[in-house]
């Protein structure tokens, strides 16, 4: 069973607790500076596409082998 949630309001003059606002404490502080977006190199993108094509080839090859029964001959 879940414990009952208590609705507490801060006394006048007190700041509300950051955890009580519904946001994690990390999101209440100043946002960290992000590094500028830099695309991957041409070589890395080419290798990724080669990997995708190879995996598609393997899926087609094994699908054909299982559906035609060729793999059972060995």
C-alpha atoms as a PDB file:
ATOM      1  CA  UNK A   1       0.000   0.000   0.000  1.00  0.00           C
ATOM      2  CA  UNK A   2       1.126   3.500  -0.691  1.00  0.00           C
ATOM      3  CA  UNK A   3       1.497   5.979   2.140  1.00  0.00           C
ATOM      4  CA  UNK A   4      -0.934   8.845   2.076  1.00  0.00           C
ATOM      5  CA  UNK A   5       0.320  11.951   0.336  1.00  0.00           C
ATOM      6  CA  UNK A   6       0.232  15.001   2.524  1.00  0.00           C
ATOM      7  CA  UNK A   7      -0.505  18.406   1.065  1.00  0.00           C
ATOM      8  CA  UNK A   8       1.671  20.771   3.014  1.00  0.00           C
ATOM      9  CA  UNK A   9       1.743  24.465   2.308  1.00  0.00           C
ATOM     10  CA  UNK A  10       4.793  26.434   3.454  1.00  0.00           C
ATOM     11  CA  UNK A  11       4.375  29.050   6.114  1.00  0.00           C
ATOM     12  CA  UNK A  12       4.373  32.670   4.923  1.00  0.00           C
ATOM     13  CA  UNK A  13       7.878  33.914   4.290  1.00  0.00           C
ATOM     14  CA  UNK A  14       9.331  30.450   3.656  1.00  0.00           C
ATOM     15  CA  UNK A  15      10.363  29.207   0.241  1.00  0.00           C
ATOM     16  CA  UNK A  16       8.738  25.953  -0.803  1.00  0.00           C
ATOM     17  CA  UNK A  17      10.929  22.880  -0.832  1.00  0.00           C
ATOM     18  CA  UNK A  18      12.184  22.217  -4.430  1.00  0.00           C
ATOM     19  CA  UNK A  19      11.116  18.578  -4.191  1.00  0.00           C
ATOM     20  CA  UNK A  20       7.540  19.593  -3.403  1.00  0.00           C
ATOM     21  CA  UNK A  21       6.972  21.423  -6.707  1.00  0.00           C
ATOM     22  CA  UNK A  22       6.638  18.228  -8.724  1.00  0.00           C
ATOM     23  CA  UNK A  23       9.965  18.648 -10.510  1.00  0.00           C
ATOM     24  CA  UNK A  24      13.209  16.920  -9.602  1.00  0.00           C
ATOM     25  CA  UNK A  25      15.656  19.205  -7.784  1.00  0.00           C
ATOM     26  CA  UNK A  26      18.107  19.068 -10.714  1.00  0.00           C
ATOM     27  CA  UNK A  27      15.600  20.754 -13.028  1.00  0.00           C
ATOM     28  CA  UNK A  28      14.946  23.635 -10.653  1.00  0.00           C
ATOM     29  CA  UNK A  29      18.530  24.930 -10.681  1.00  0.00           C
ATOM     30  CA  UNK A  30      20.258  26.744 -13.532  1.00  0.00           C
ATOM     31  CA  UNK A  31      20.462  24.651 -16.675  1.00  0.00           C
ATOM     32  CA  UNK A  32      23.952  23.296 -17.429  1.00  0.00           C
ATOM     33  CA  UNK A  33      25.524  24.606 -20.602  1.00  0.00           C
ATOM     34  CA  UNK A  34      25.240  22.139 -23.462  1.00  0.00           C
ATOM     35  CA  UNK A  35      27.979  21.477 -25.967  1.00  0.00           C
ATOM     36  CA  UNK A  36      27.154  22.591 -29.508  1.00  0.00           C
ATOM     37  CA  UNK A  37      25.760  19.816 -31.705  1.00  0.00           C
ATOM     38  CA  UNK A  38      28.395  18.295 -33.952  1.00  0.00           C
ATOM     39  CA  UNK A  39      27.431  15.691 -36.580  1.00  0.00           C
ATOM     40  CA  UNK A  40      29.317  12.416 -36.853  1.00  0.00           C
ATOM     41  CA  UNK A  41      32.079  12.174 -39.419  1.00  0.00           C
ATOM     42  CA  UNK A  42      31.434  10.875 -42.923  1.00  0.00           C
ATOM     43  CA  UNK A  43      33.355   7.677 -42.150  1.00  0.00           C
ATOM     44  CA  UNK A  44      31.248   6.915 -39.061  1.00  0.00           C
ATOM     45  CA  UNK A  45      27.997   7.459 -40.992  1.00  0.00           C
ATOM     46  CA  UNK A  46      29.229   5.223 -43.826  1.00  0.00           C
ATOM     47  CA  UNK A  47      30.113   2.437 -41.380  1.00  0.00           C
ATOM     48  CA  UNK A  48      26.689   2.735 -39.756  1.00  0.00           C
ATOM     49  CA  UNK A  49      24.945   2.362 -43.138  1.00  0.00           C
ATOM     50  CA  UNK A  50      27.151  -0.608 -44.044  1.00  0.00           C
ATOM     51  CA  UNK A  51      26.127  -2.242 -40.756  1.00  0.00           C
ATOM     52  CA  UNK A  52      22.441  -1.604 -41.441  1.00  0.00           C
ATOM     53  CA  UNK A  53      22.684  -3.057 -44.955  1.00  0.00           C
ATOM     54  CA  UNK A  54      24.546  -6.106 -43.632  1.00  0.00           C
ATOM     55  CA  UNK A  55      21.901  -6.762 -40.986  1.00  0.00           C
ATOM     56  CA  UNK A  56      19.086  -6.444 -43.548  1.00  0.00           C
ATOM     57  CA  UNK A  57      20.945  -8.922 -45.767  1.00  0.00           C
ATOM     58  CA  UNK A  58      21.265 -11.384 -42.875  1.00  0.00           C
ATOM     59  CA  UNK A  59      17.577 -11.113 -42.019  1.00  0.00           C
ATOM     60  CA  UNK A  60      16.550 -11.722 -45.630  1.00  0.00           C
ATOM     61  CA  UNK A  61      19.014 -14.604 -46.018  1.00  0.00           C
ATOM     62  CA  UNK A  62      17.894 -16.410 -42.858  1.00  0.00           C
ATOM     63  CA  UNK A  63      14.214 -15.767 -43.567  1.00  0.00           C
ATOM     64  CA  UNK A  64      14.605 -17.341 -47.008  1.00  0.00           C
ATOM     65  CA  UNK A  65      16.616 -20.279 -45.641  1.00  0.00           C
ATOM     66  CA  UNK A  66      14.073 -21.079 -42.926  1.00  0.00           C
ATOM     67  CA  UNK A  67      10.996 -20.570 -45.101  1.00  0.00           C
ATOM     68  CA  UNK A  68      12.289 -22.663 -48.007  1.00  0.00           C
ATOM     69  CA  UNK A  69      13.681 -25.457 -45.810  1.00  0.00           C
ATOM     70  CA  UNK A  70      17.167 -25.244 -47.341  1.00  0.00           C
ATOM     71  CA  UNK A  71      18.742 -25.066 -43.893  1.00  0.00           C
ATOM     72  CA  UNK A  72      17.334 -28.537 -43.076  1.00  0.00           C
ATOM     73  CA  UNK A  73      19.334 -30.166 -45.890  1.00  0.00           C
ATOM     74  CA  UNK A  74      22.631 -29.828 -44.032  1.00  0.00           C
END
